[in-house]
N, C-alpha and C. Protein backbone atom coordinates (compact mmCIF):
# COMPACT_ATOMS: atom_id res chain seq x y z
N MET A 1 0.86 -1.21 0.27
CA MET A 1 -0.03 0.06 -0.06
C MET A 1 1.20 1.03 0.01
N SER A 2 0.71 2.06 -1.02
CA SER A 2 1.11 3.77 -0.87
C SER A 2 1.04 4.07 0.61
N SER A 3 2.05 5.25 0.78
CA SER A 3 2.04 5.73 1.77
C SER A 3 0.68 6.94 1.87
N GLU A 4 0.65 7.46 0.75
CA GLU A 4 -0.78 8.33 0.43
C GLU A 4 -2.14 7.45 0.55
N ARG A 5 -2.34 6.13 0.03
CA ARG A 5 -3.19 5.14 0.42
C ARG A 5 -3.48 5.11 1.63
N ARG A 6 -2.66 4.99 2.54
CA ARG A 6 -2.14 4.40 3.64
C ARG A 6 -2.70 5.70 4.78
N HIS A 7 -2.30 6.95 4.26
CA HIS A 7 -2.38 8.15 4.94
C HIS A 7 -4.10 8.51 4.76
N GLY A 8 -4.85 8.54 3.92
CA GLY A 8 -5.87 8.16 3.74
C GLY A 8 -6.64 7.40 4.21
N LEU A 9 -6.29 6.11 4.66
CA LEU A 9 -7.24 5.12 5.21
C LEU A 9 -7.35 5.72 6.61
N PHE A 10 -6.32 5.80 7.11
CA PHE A 10 -5.93 6.62 8.48
C PHE A 10 -6.99 7.81 8.82
N GLU A 11 -6.81 8.82 7.83
CA GLU A 11 -7.65 9.96 7.91
C GLU A 11 -9.02 9.33 8.05
N MET A 12 -9.71 8.28 7.24
CA MET A 12 -10.80 8.13 7.32
C MET A 12 -11.40 7.54 8.44
N ILE A 13 -10.78 6.54 9.04
CA ILE A 13 -10.83 6.04 10.30
C ILE A 13 -11.12 7.04 11.66
N ARG A 14 -10.13 7.96 11.39
CA ARG A 14 -9.96 8.80 12.30
C ARG A 14 -11.34 9.81 12.28
N CYS A 15 -11.85 10.11 11.21
CA CYS A 15 -13.08 10.77 11.15
C CYS A 15 -14.27 10.25 11.11
N LYS A 16 -14.68 8.99 10.79
CA LYS A 16 -15.59 7.75 11.01
C LYS A 16 -15.65 7.90 12.65
N CYS A 17 -14.64 7.85 13.21
CA CYS A 17 -15.05 7.60 14.73
C CYS A 17 -15.01 8.89 15.05
N TRP A 18 -14.21 9.87 15.40
CA TRP A 18 -14.77 11.35 15.69
C TRP A 18 -16.44 11.85 15.14
N ASP A 19 -16.99 11.17 14.10
CA ASP A 19 -18.00 11.39 14.06
C ASP A 19 -19.18 10.53 15.02
N PHE A 20 -18.89 9.36 15.16
CA PHE A 20 -19.53 8.04 15.52
C PHE A 20 -19.30 8.19 16.98
N CYS A 21 -18.74 8.76 17.77
CA CYS A 21 -18.62 9.34 19.42
C CYS A 21 -18.96 10.63 18.91
N ASN A 22 -18.97 11.70 18.15
CA ASN A 22 -19.66 13.23 18.63
C ASN A 22 -18.39 13.59 19.58
N ALA A 23 -17.11 13.43 18.93
CA ALA A 23 -16.10 13.94 19.66
C ALA A 23 -15.89 15.31 19.53
N THR A 24 -16.05 16.38 19.76
CA THR A 24 -15.33 17.65 20.06
C THR A 24 -14.37 18.01 20.72
N ILE A 25 -14.25 19.29 20.13
CA ILE A 25 -12.97 20.21 20.24
C ILE A 25 -13.47 20.95 21.76
N GLN A 26 -12.73 20.46 23.11
CA GLN A 26 -12.90 21.38 23.72
C GLN A 26 -12.20 22.55 24.07
N LYS A 27 -12.84 23.42 24.07
CA LYS A 27 -12.25 24.84 24.55
C LYS A 27 -11.54 25.19 25.60
N ASP A 28 -10.42 25.74 25.63
CA ASP A 28 -9.31 26.04 26.60
C ASP A 28 -10.01 27.16 27.40
N THR A 29 -11.07 27.46 28.36
CA THR A 29 -11.71 28.45 28.80
C THR A 29 -11.04 29.23 29.68
N SER A 30 -9.94 29.21 30.05
CA SER A 30 -9.36 29.77 30.82
C SER A 30 -8.00 31.21 29.94
N GLU A 31 -8.15 30.63 28.75
CA GLU A 31 -7.25 30.80 27.79
C GLU A 31 -8.09 31.94 26.82
N GLY A 32 -9.54 31.24 26.46
CA GLY A 32 -10.40 31.73 25.48
C GLY A 32 -9.92 31.43 24.30
N ASP A 33 -9.38 30.42 23.68
CA ASP A 33 -8.48 30.12 22.48
C ASP A 33 -8.40 28.48 23.06
N ASN A 34 -7.78 28.36 21.58
CA ASN A 34 -7.51 26.87 21.89
C ASN A 34 -6.12 26.36 21.14
N LYS A 35 -5.11 27.43 21.68
CA LYS A 35 -3.72 27.37 21.23
C LYS A 35 -2.84 26.73 22.25
N GLY A 36 -3.21 26.44 23.38
CA GLY A 36 -2.54 25.79 24.37
C GLY A 36 -2.22 24.26 24.01
N VAL A 37 -0.80 23.59 24.62
CA VAL A 37 -0.53 22.64 24.17
C VAL A 37 -1.03 21.48 25.25
N ARG A 38 -2.20 20.59 24.94
CA ARG A 38 -2.59 19.63 25.38
C ARG A 38 -1.82 18.25 25.60
N ILE A 39 -1.47 18.05 26.62
CA ILE A 39 -0.78 16.58 26.90
C ILE A 39 -1.32 15.65 27.57
N THR A 40 -1.76 14.24 27.14
CA THR A 40 -1.80 13.23 27.87
C THR A 40 -1.43 12.38 28.10
N LEU A 41 -1.30 12.26 29.54
CA LEU A 41 -0.45 11.11 29.90
C LEU A 41 -0.81 9.52 30.69
N ILE A 42 -0.64 8.58 29.68
CA ILE A 42 -1.45 7.75 29.84
C ILE A 42 -1.00 6.48 30.57
N GLY A 43 -1.46 6.17 31.90
CA GLY A 43 -0.99 5.17 32.82
C GLY A 43 -1.38 4.07 32.40
N ARG A 44 -0.45 2.71 32.99
CA ARG A 44 -0.89 1.03 32.97
C ARG A 44 -1.06 0.79 34.21
N ASP A 45 -1.98 -0.45 34.47
CA ASP A 45 -2.16 -1.21 35.60
C ASP A 45 -1.55 -2.42 35.25
N GLY A 46 -0.44 -2.61 36.27
CA GLY A 46 0.24 -3.93 35.55
C GLY A 46 1.61 -4.14 34.97
N LYS A 47 1.50 -4.83 33.81
CA LYS A 47 2.45 -5.07 32.87
C LYS A 47 3.13 -3.58 32.48
N ARG A 48 3.91 -3.34 32.67
CA ARG A 48 4.64 -2.04 32.05
C ARG A 48 4.06 -0.80 32.62
N ALA A 49 3.47 -0.85 33.74
CA ALA A 49 3.11 0.39 34.60
C ALA A 49 4.47 1.22 34.70
N PHE A 50 4.32 2.33 35.37
CA PHE A 50 5.07 3.44 35.65
C PHE A 50 5.61 2.85 37.06
N ARG A 51 6.70 3.16 37.28
CA ARG A 51 7.21 2.51 38.64
C ARG A 51 6.63 3.63 39.86
N ASN A 52 6.71 4.92 39.20
CA ASN A 52 6.36 5.73 39.88
C ASN A 52 5.40 7.29 39.12
N GLU A 53 4.55 6.35 39.09
CA GLU A 53 3.62 7.37 38.05
C GLU A 53 3.26 8.92 38.87
N SER A 54 3.18 9.30 39.76
CA SER A 54 3.18 10.56 40.34
C SER A 54 4.28 11.30 39.94
N GLY A 55 5.31 10.35 40.08
CA GLY A 55 6.37 11.32 39.59
C GLY A 55 7.01 11.77 38.36
N VAL A 56 6.63 10.61 37.68
CA VAL A 56 6.29 10.83 35.85
C VAL A 56 5.72 12.30 35.61
N LYS A 57 4.22 12.11 36.18
CA LYS A 57 3.66 13.36 36.10
C LYS A 57 3.64 14.54 36.75
N LEU A 58 4.20 14.57 37.68
CA LEU A 58 5.22 15.70 38.22
C LEU A 58 5.98 16.15 37.48
N VAL A 59 7.07 15.67 36.89
CA VAL A 59 8.02 16.23 36.25
C VAL A 59 7.19 16.63 34.91
N MET A 60 6.50 16.04 34.31
CA MET A 60 5.88 16.61 33.18
C MET A 60 5.13 17.78 33.31
N GLU A 61 4.36 17.69 34.42
CA GLU A 61 3.38 18.98 34.68
C GLU A 61 4.15 20.07 35.32
N ARG A 62 5.42 20.01 35.82
CA ARG A 62 5.94 21.37 35.63
C ARG A 62 6.47 22.04 34.83
N GLU A 63 6.94 20.89 33.77
CA GLU A 63 7.57 21.75 32.52
C GLU A 63 6.26 22.64 31.55
N CYS A 64 4.77 21.59 31.81
CA CYS A 64 4.06 22.39 31.24
C CYS A 64 3.03 23.42 31.61
N ASN A 65 3.88 23.58 32.96
CA ASN A 65 3.35 24.72 34.06
C ASN A 65 4.26 26.00 33.37
N LYS A 66 5.21 25.77 32.78
CA LYS A 66 5.93 27.04 32.27
C LYS A 66 5.75 27.30 31.27
N VAL A 67 4.44 26.81 30.45
CA VAL A 67 4.23 27.71 29.18
C VAL A 67 2.69 27.90 29.22
N ALA A 68 2.57 29.09 28.98
CA ALA A 68 0.94 29.65 28.73
C ALA A 68 0.27 28.74 28.21
N GLY A 69 -1.24 28.63 28.86
CA GLY A 69 -2.03 27.30 27.88
C GLY A 69 -1.93 25.76 27.89
N CYS A 70 -0.80 25.30 28.52
CA CYS A 70 -0.54 23.97 28.25
C CYS A 70 -1.18 23.50 29.35
N THR A 71 -1.61 22.55 29.24
CA THR A 71 -2.47 21.53 30.35
C THR A 71 -1.72 19.82 30.32
N LEU A 72 -1.91 19.34 31.14
CA LEU A 72 -1.53 18.14 31.26
C LEU A 72 -2.68 17.07 31.97
N LYS A 73 -2.77 16.18 31.19
CA LYS A 73 -3.94 14.91 32.04
C LYS A 73 -3.24 13.55 31.75
N LEU A 74 -3.43 12.94 33.04
CA LEU A 74 -3.37 12.01 33.19
C LEU A 74 -4.91 10.60 33.67
N VAL A 75 -4.74 9.92 32.37
CA VAL A 75 -5.71 8.96 32.61
C VAL A 75 -5.05 7.28 32.52
N HIS A 76 -5.77 6.56 33.05
CA HIS A 76 -5.90 5.08 32.70
C HIS A 76 -7.42 4.90 31.67
N LEU A 77 -7.22 3.91 30.75
CA LEU A 77 -8.02 4.00 30.03
C LEU A 77 -8.82 2.56 30.10
N LYS A 78 -8.61 1.88 31.24
CA LYS A 78 -9.08 0.13 31.69
C LYS A 78 -10.27 0.39 31.22
N ASN A 79 -11.00 1.12 32.25
CA ASN A 79 -12.49 1.65 32.58
C ASN A 79 -13.32 2.05 31.45
N MET A 80 -12.59 2.92 30.54
CA MET A 80 -13.41 3.76 29.41
C MET A 80 -13.63 3.08 28.36
N SER A 81 -15.06 3.65 28.11
CA SER A 81 -15.75 3.31 26.74
C SER A 81 -14.88 3.71 25.68
N PHE A 82 -14.95 3.20 24.20
CA PHE A 82 -14.49 3.55 23.43
C PHE A 82 -14.51 4.80 23.02
N CYS A 83 -15.52 5.38 23.27
CA CYS A 83 -15.97 6.89 22.67
C CYS A 83 -15.21 7.75 23.78
N ASP A 84 -15.09 7.63 25.33
CA ASP A 84 -14.59 8.35 25.93
C ASP A 84 -13.41 8.50 25.65
N GLN A 85 -12.47 7.38 24.87
CA GLN A 85 -11.47 7.18 24.55
C GLN A 85 -10.93 7.94 23.54
N VAL A 86 -11.83 8.04 22.75
CA VAL A 86 -11.80 8.86 21.41
C VAL A 86 -11.66 10.54 21.66
N GLN A 87 -12.59 10.49 22.46
CA GLN A 87 -12.90 12.24 22.96
C GLN A 87 -11.59 12.69 23.66
N ILE A 88 -10.84 11.75 24.50
CA ILE A 88 -9.98 12.42 25.23
C ILE A 88 -8.35 12.21 23.95
N MET A 89 -8.56 11.56 22.98
CA MET A 89 -7.64 11.88 22.18
C MET A 89 -7.86 12.80 20.87
N ARG A 90 -9.14 13.09 20.81
CA ARG A 90 -9.49 14.36 19.79
C ARG A 90 -8.73 15.26 20.60
N ASN A 91 -8.88 15.72 21.65
CA ASN A 91 -8.30 17.01 22.68
C ASN A 91 -6.59 16.37 23.17
N THR A 92 -6.20 15.92 22.40
CA THR A 92 -4.76 15.39 22.69
C THR A 92 -3.51 16.14 21.53
N ASP A 93 -2.73 16.75 22.20
CA ASP A 93 -1.70 17.13 21.25
C ASP A 93 -0.20 16.39 21.29
N VAL A 94 -0.03 15.82 22.37
CA VAL A 94 1.22 15.12 22.89
C VAL A 94 0.48 14.15 23.76
N LEU A 95 0.55 12.89 22.99
CA LEU A 95 0.54 11.77 23.76
C LEU A 95 1.69 11.01 24.73
N ALA A 96 2.13 10.78 25.43
CA ALA A 96 3.23 10.35 26.35
C ALA A 96 2.35 8.75 27.34
N THR A 97 3.30 7.75 26.99
CA THR A 97 2.94 6.66 27.36
C THR A 97 4.32 5.25 27.68
N ALA A 98 3.82 4.17 28.28
CA ALA A 98 4.82 3.40 28.12
C ALA A 98 4.27 2.21 27.04
N HIS A 99 5.27 1.77 26.24
CA HIS A 99 5.30 0.88 25.42
C HIS A 99 4.02 0.23 25.72
N GLY A 100 2.78 0.18 24.33
CA GLY A 100 1.80 -0.97 25.00
C GLY A 100 0.72 -0.85 24.04
N ALA A 101 -0.32 -1.54 23.67
CA ALA A 101 -1.39 -1.38 22.93
C ALA A 101 -2.10 -0.05 23.33
N GLN A 102 -2.26 0.75 24.04
CA GLN A 102 -2.92 1.73 24.37
C GLN A 102 -2.41 2.82 23.38
N LEU A 103 -1.08 2.97 23.07
CA LEU A 103 -0.68 3.70 21.94
C LEU A 103 -1.18 3.48 20.30
N THR A 104 -2.17 2.80 20.24
CA THR A 104 -3.08 2.50 19.08
C THR A 104 -4.14 3.83 19.09
N ASN A 105 -4.35 4.18 20.14
CA ASN A 105 -5.40 5.28 20.28
C ASN A 105 -4.77 6.29 19.68
N MET A 106 -3.38 6.72 19.28
CA MET A 106 -3.01 8.01 18.65
C MET A 106 -3.76 8.22 17.44
N MET A 107 -4.19 7.05 16.71
CA MET A 107 -4.86 7.62 15.43
C MET A 107 -6.12 8.46 15.67
N PHE A 108 -6.33 8.42 16.87
CA PHE A 108 -7.76 9.44 16.81
C PHE A 108 -7.39 10.84 17.35
N MET A 109 -6.15 11.01 17.55
CA MET A 109 -5.33 12.51 17.68
C MET A 109 -5.46 13.38 16.12
N PRO A 110 -5.35 14.43 16.47
CA PRO A 110 -5.63 15.39 15.44
C PRO A 110 -3.85 15.15 14.75
N LYS A 111 -4.10 15.18 13.16
CA LYS A 111 -3.13 14.92 12.62
C LYS A 111 -2.12 15.78 12.58
N GLY A 112 -0.61 15.30 12.78
CA GLY A 112 0.50 16.04 13.36
C GLY A 112 0.70 16.46 14.70
N SER A 113 -0.27 15.71 15.70
CA SER A 113 0.08 15.49 17.19
C SER A 113 1.70 14.42 17.30
N SER A 114 1.79 14.56 18.47
CA SER A 114 3.11 14.05 19.20
C SER A 114 3.22 12.86 20.06
N VAL A 115 4.16 12.09 19.66
CA VAL A 115 3.85 10.87 20.60
C VAL A 115 5.29 10.62 21.32
N MET A 116 5.48 10.53 22.72
CA MET A 116 6.76 10.07 23.73
C MET A 116 6.09 8.58 24.15
N GLU A 117 7.13 7.78 23.76
CA GLU A 117 7.36 6.16 23.92
C GLU A 117 8.09 6.18 25.28
N MET A 118 8.05 5.10 26.27
CA MET A 118 8.34 5.01 27.33
C MET A 118 8.92 3.31 27.35
N PHE A 119 10.10 3.00 27.53
CA PHE A 119 10.20 1.05 27.55
C PHE A 119 10.89 0.74 28.80
N PRO A 120 10.44 -0.60 28.88
CA PRO A 120 11.02 -0.98 30.52
C PRO A 120 12.82 -1.45 30.07
N LYS A 121 13.64 -1.53 31.07
CA LYS A 121 15.25 -1.79 30.65
C LYS A 121 15.02 -3.19 29.70
N GLY A 122 15.48 -3.36 28.60
CA GLY A 122 15.87 -4.39 28.02
C GLY A 122 14.95 -4.74 26.58
N TRP A 123 14.25 -4.07 26.31
CA TRP A 123 13.64 -4.24 25.01
C TRP A 123 14.49 -3.87 23.97
N LEU A 124 15.40 -2.77 23.92
CA LEU A 124 16.37 -2.30 22.58
C LEU A 124 17.11 -3.85 22.27
N GLU A 125 17.49 -4.15 23.38
CA GLU A 125 18.61 -5.74 22.87
C GLU A 125 17.78 -7.04 22.90
N GLY A 126 16.48 -7.05 23.29
CA GLY A 126 15.80 -8.58 23.51
C GLY A 126 14.82 -8.33 22.39
N ALA A 127 14.09 -7.65 21.94
CA ALA A 127 12.67 -7.10 21.38
C ALA A 127 12.43 -7.49 19.93
N GLY A 128 13.56 -7.25 19.40
CA GLY A 128 13.42 -7.18 17.87
C GLY A 128 13.23 -6.33 17.28
N ILE A 129 12.79 -6.43 16.24
CA ILE A 129 11.91 -5.33 15.09
C ILE A 129 10.54 -4.74 15.43
N GLY A 130 10.11 -5.48 16.27
CA GLY A 130 8.68 -5.29 16.32
C GLY A 130 8.53 -4.31 17.31
N GLN A 131 9.44 -3.76 18.08
CA GLN A 131 9.56 -2.87 19.52
C GLN A 131 9.35 -1.78 18.62
N TYR A 132 9.24 -1.70 17.07
CA TYR A 132 9.31 -0.10 16.54
C TYR A 132 8.15 0.10 16.04
N ILE A 133 7.03 -0.71 16.50
CA ILE A 133 5.53 -1.11 15.85
C ILE A 133 4.52 0.36 15.72
N TYR A 134 5.03 1.28 17.14
CA TYR A 134 4.31 2.66 17.16
C TYR A 134 5.24 3.45 16.67
N GLN A 135 6.33 3.20 16.57
CA GLN A 135 7.06 4.47 15.33
C GLN A 135 6.61 4.24 14.14
N TRP A 136 6.54 3.52 13.45
CA TRP A 136 5.87 3.29 12.21
C TRP A 136 4.29 3.43 12.60
N PHE A 137 3.70 3.14 13.32
CA PHE A 137 2.19 3.81 13.57
C PHE A 137 2.03 5.02 13.47
N ALA A 138 3.08 5.60 14.31
CA ALA A 138 2.79 7.12 14.09
C ALA A 138 2.85 8.00 12.75
N SER A 139 3.84 7.28 12.14
CA SER A 139 4.21 7.19 10.65
C SER A 139 2.65 7.42 9.82
N TRP A 140 2.26 6.21 10.02
CA TRP A 140 1.16 5.87 8.67
C TRP A 140 0.00 6.51 9.38
N SER A 141 -0.21 6.93 10.54
CA SER A 141 -1.51 7.88 10.69
C SER A 141 -0.92 9.50 10.73
N GLU A 142 0.33 9.73 10.17
CA GLU A 142 0.60 11.25 10.21
C GLU A 142 0.48 11.89 11.57
N MET A 143 1.32 11.25 12.53
CA MET A 143 1.92 12.07 13.88
C MET A 143 3.32 12.00 13.77
N ASN A 144 3.69 12.73 14.97
CA ASN A 144 5.02 13.29 14.64
C ASN A 144 5.85 12.09 16.32
N TYR A 145 6.46 10.96 15.73
CA TYR A 145 7.42 10.76 16.47
C TYR A 145 8.40 10.95 17.37
N GLU A 146 8.32 11.57 18.56
CA GLU A 146 9.40 12.28 19.26
C GLU A 146 10.43 11.75 19.85
N GLY A 147 10.51 10.20 19.81
CA GLY A 147 11.74 9.68 20.03
C GLY A 147 11.12 8.52 21.22
N ALA A 148 12.01 7.65 21.81
CA ALA A 148 11.57 6.94 22.88
C ALA A 148 12.99 6.86 24.14
N TRP A 149 11.97 6.74 25.33
CA TRP A 149 13.35 6.74 26.47
C TRP A 149 12.87 5.05 26.84
N ARG A 150 14.44 4.84 26.98
CA ARG A 150 14.70 3.44 27.30
C ARG A 150 15.22 2.87 29.02
N ASP A 151 14.60 2.71 29.53
CA ASP A 151 14.61 2.49 30.94
C ASP A 151 16.30 1.68 31.01
N THR A 152 17.14 2.04 31.91
CA THR A 152 18.36 1.17 32.26
C THR A 152 18.27 0.46 33.73
N ASP A 153 17.78 1.18 34.48
CA ASP A 153 17.43 0.20 35.49
C ASP A 153 16.12 -1.06 35.79
N GLY A 154 17.00 -2.02 35.85
CA GLY A 154 15.86 -3.13 36.02
C GLY A 154 16.76 -4.55 35.93
N LEU A 155 16.11 -5.66 35.66
CA LEU A 155 16.74 -6.60 35.45
C LEU A 155 17.92 -7.06 34.33
N ASP A 156 19.21 -7.36 34.70
CA ASP A 156 19.89 -7.56 34.10
C ASP A 156 20.05 -9.37 33.24
N CYS A 157 20.11 -9.06 32.08
CA CYS A 157 20.44 -10.24 30.91
C CYS A 157 21.48 -10.28 30.65
N PRO A 158 22.74 -10.79 31.38
CA PRO A 158 23.98 -10.77 30.92
C PRO A 158 24.20 -12.77 30.30
N GLY A 159 25.30 -12.90 29.54
CA GLY A 159 25.46 -14.33 28.84
C GLY A 159 24.92 -14.46 27.40
N PRO A 160 25.19 -15.66 27.22
CA PRO A 160 24.94 -15.68 25.61
C PRO A 160 23.35 -15.17 24.96
N GLU A 161 23.40 -15.18 23.75
CA GLU A 161 22.25 -14.71 23.41
C GLU A 161 21.08 -15.28 23.68
N GLN A 162 21.15 -16.78 23.64
CA GLN A 162 19.96 -17.62 23.50
C GLN A 162 19.46 -17.31 25.11
N GLN A 163 20.52 -16.89 26.07
CA GLN A 163 19.87 -16.80 27.27
C GLN A 163 19.33 -15.71 27.63
N ARG A 164 19.77 -14.84 26.90
CA ARG A 164 19.48 -13.14 27.23
C ARG A 164 17.74 -13.36 26.25
N SER A 165 17.61 -14.37 25.34
CA SER A 165 16.15 -14.31 24.77
C SER A 165 15.07 -14.81 25.81
N ARG A 166 15.67 -15.99 26.68
CA ARG A 166 14.86 -16.32 27.70
C ARG A 166 14.78 -15.54 28.84
N CYS A 167 15.42 -14.44 28.65
CA CYS A 167 15.71 -13.59 30.03
C CYS A 167 14.76 -12.37 29.78
N PHE A 168 14.66 -12.23 28.60
CA PHE A 168 13.93 -10.85 27.92
C PHE A 168 12.24 -11.43 28.25
N LEU A 169 11.93 -12.36 28.51
CA LEU A 169 10.37 -13.15 28.64
C LEU A 169 10.29 -12.58 30.09
N LYS A 170 11.09 -12.20 30.90
CA LYS A 170 10.93 -11.51 32.30
C LYS A 170 11.26 -10.25 32.13
N GLN A 171 11.78 -9.91 31.35
CA GLN A 171 12.29 -8.00 31.41
C GLN A 171 11.15 -7.36 30.63
N LYS A 172 10.49 -7.97 30.04
CA LYS A 172 9.69 -7.24 29.36
C LYS A 172 8.30 -6.61 29.52
N ASP A 173 8.35 -6.91 30.54
CA ASP A 173 6.92 -6.30 31.39
C ASP A 173 7.13 -6.06 32.72
N GLN A 174 8.60 -5.30 32.89
CA GLN A 174 9.05 -4.83 34.34
C GLN A 174 8.30 -3.35 34.11
N PRO A 175 8.21 -2.89 35.25
CA PRO A 175 7.69 -1.80 35.61
C PRO A 175 8.71 -0.37 34.94
N VAL A 176 8.17 0.45 34.40
CA VAL A 176 8.96 1.50 33.74
C VAL A 176 9.37 2.87 34.51
N GLY A 177 10.54 3.11 34.75
CA GLY A 177 11.29 3.74 35.88
C GLY A 177 10.83 5.31 35.30
N LEU A 178 12.30 6.28 35.68
CA LEU A 178 12.04 7.38 35.72
C LEU A 178 13.70 8.28 35.94
N ASN A 179 14.06 9.03 34.99
CA ASN A 179 14.95 9.94 34.62
C ASN A 179 14.66 10.81 34.60
N GLU A 180 14.51 11.95 35.70
CA GLU A 180 13.63 13.38 35.72
C GLU A 180 14.39 14.15 34.84
N THR A 181 16.02 14.10 34.82
CA THR A 181 16.62 15.15 34.12
C THR A 181 16.14 14.97 32.72
N PHE A 182 16.51 13.62 32.14
CA PHE A 182 15.86 13.43 30.69
C PHE A 182 14.47 13.69 30.74
N LEU A 183 13.60 13.49 31.62
CA LEU A 183 12.24 13.54 31.23
C LEU A 183 11.71 15.15 30.65
N ALA A 184 12.28 15.93 32.31
CA ALA A 184 11.95 17.08 32.17
C ALA A 184 12.46 17.91 30.70
N ASP A 185 13.79 17.92 30.18
CA ASP A 185 14.16 18.03 28.97
C ASP A 185 13.68 17.67 27.98
N TRP A 186 13.20 16.31 27.84
CA TRP A 186 12.65 15.94 26.46
C TRP A 186 10.93 16.36 26.63
N THR A 187 10.48 16.45 27.54
CA THR A 187 8.98 17.10 27.65
C THR A 187 9.30 18.79 27.35
N ALA A 188 10.34 19.66 27.64
CA ALA A 188 10.40 20.86 27.41
C ALA A 188 10.39 20.75 26.06
N ARG A 189 11.66 20.41 25.30
CA ARG A 189 11.43 19.82 23.86
C ARG A 189 10.21 20.10 23.09
N VAL A 190 9.56 18.71 23.41
CA VAL A 190 8.06 18.51 22.80
C VAL A 190 7.42 20.07 22.67
N ILE A 191 7.19 20.12 24.08
CA ILE A 191 6.28 21.24 24.22
C ILE A 191 6.51 22.77 23.20
N GLN A 192 7.69 23.31 23.42
CA GLN A 192 8.40 24.23 22.80
C GLN A 192 7.98 24.02 21.38
N THR A 193 8.20 22.83 20.53
CA THR A 193 7.83 22.44 19.55
C THR A 193 6.26 22.75 19.25
N LYS A 194 5.65 22.06 19.61
CA LYS A 194 4.11 22.40 19.40
C LYS A 194 3.79 23.52 19.75
N THR A 195 4.16 24.31 20.56
CA THR A 195 3.62 25.64 20.94
C THR A 195 3.60 26.15 19.57
N ARG A 196 4.97 26.05 19.01
CA ARG A 196 5.19 26.76 17.94
C ARG A 196 4.42 26.46 16.91
N THR A 197 4.18 25.70 16.54
CA THR A 197 3.13 24.95 15.62
C THR A 197 1.72 25.05 15.51
N ARG A 198 1.25 25.12 16.95
CA ARG A 198 -0.18 25.23 17.43
C ARG A 198 -0.40 26.77 17.21
N THR A 199 0.52 27.65 17.23
CA THR A 199 0.73 29.34 17.23
C THR A 199 0.69 30.03 16.13
N ALA A 200 0.99 28.90 15.09
CA ALA A 200 1.00 29.28 13.65
C ALA A 200 -0.19 28.74 12.79
N GLY A 201 -0.84 27.47 14.04
CA GLY A 201 -2.03 27.16 12.94
C GLY A 201 -1.34 25.30 13.01
N HIS A 202 -2.37 24.58 12.87
CA HIS A 202 -1.79 23.25 12.88
C HIS A 202 -0.72 23.20 11.41
N PRO A 203 -0.31 22.29 11.32
CA PRO A 203 0.86 22.13 10.50
C PRO A 203 0.39 21.14 9.28
N LYS A 204 -0.55 20.61 9.50
CA LYS A 204 -1.30 19.70 8.91
C LYS A 204 -2.70 19.52 8.60
N SER A 205 -3.13 20.23 7.83
CA SER A 205 -4.68 20.36 7.69
C SER A 205 -5.38 18.70 7.84
N CYS A 206 -6.82 18.45 8.54
CA CYS A 206 -7.65 17.66 8.93
C CYS A 206 -8.46 17.58 8.03
N SER A 207 -8.92 16.60 7.18
CA SER A 207 -10.32 17.28 6.29
C SER A 207 -11.03 16.53 7.31
N CYS A 208 -11.28 15.75 8.56
CA CYS A 208 -12.41 15.66 9.64
C CYS A 208 -12.88 17.08 10.09
N ASP A 209 -12.18 18.30 9.98
CA ASP A 209 -12.63 19.63 10.42
C ASP A 209 -13.07 20.38 8.97
N ASP A 210 -13.06 19.69 7.68
CA ASP A 210 -13.66 20.15 6.61
C ASP A 210 -15.40 19.91 6.18
N PRO A 211 -16.03 20.45 6.22
CA PRO A 211 -17.59 20.02 6.39
C PRO A 211 -17.82 19.46 4.45
N THR A 212 -16.93 20.26 3.50
CA THR A 212 -16.84 20.03 2.26
C THR A 212 -16.33 18.58 1.88
N VAL A 213 -15.52 17.94 3.05
CA VAL A 213 -14.73 16.81 2.66
C VAL A 213 -15.87 15.55 2.80
N HIS A 214 -15.99 14.59 2.19
CA HIS A 214 -16.88 13.37 2.42
C HIS A 214 -16.27 12.47 2.27
N HIS A 215 -16.29 11.45 3.44
CA HIS A 215 -15.52 10.02 3.41
C HIS A 215 -16.06 8.85 3.23
N MET A 216 -15.58 7.99 2.41
CA MET A 216 -16.21 6.99 1.95
C MET A 216 -17.06 6.08 3.24
N PRO A 217 -18.25 5.48 2.87
CA PRO A 217 -19.06 5.07 4.06
C PRO A 217 -18.34 3.79 4.57
């Protein structure tokens, strides 16, 4: 499938789901416009949960609070309906979370939004090419993949490659830690980039917001 057709497919899915769920843009009443960067931090329960979720939120919130209009919301999707999830993503400019299936929700964000992905220790060495699936997914759905952070703390897997492969089965679902300095710098860079693009208007127009465009049934 060509990139153009793939982008069109994801655009159709996004528009149909926004319409089905009646997902609307929530105005920032404190600012009077909708130029502020909206960050959604998705927490996980169980496998690959943040070891210090409140710490991750605090670091990102601290950087967000330095920029006028920036807001951060921490959510857990476990008990949310599909349409509740779509509504949240409709109003997200930056999605930050650990590696996991919840990242597929990025397709419901406005086109050109950003993704920050975090991994437990061991994924780079043991997971193979499949670990890059959400980087590809971001490209397919026309989102900006802002890189990944890989935890350096956790279970070690020394020894031959065969032993490391078996060990990775124990590594892959470890909690995701926190490097405060890196996360603060990373968050600040992403917010700065999004602030520039939102002030200038979305860099990629979204046909979902154009009433003259009709998508296939």
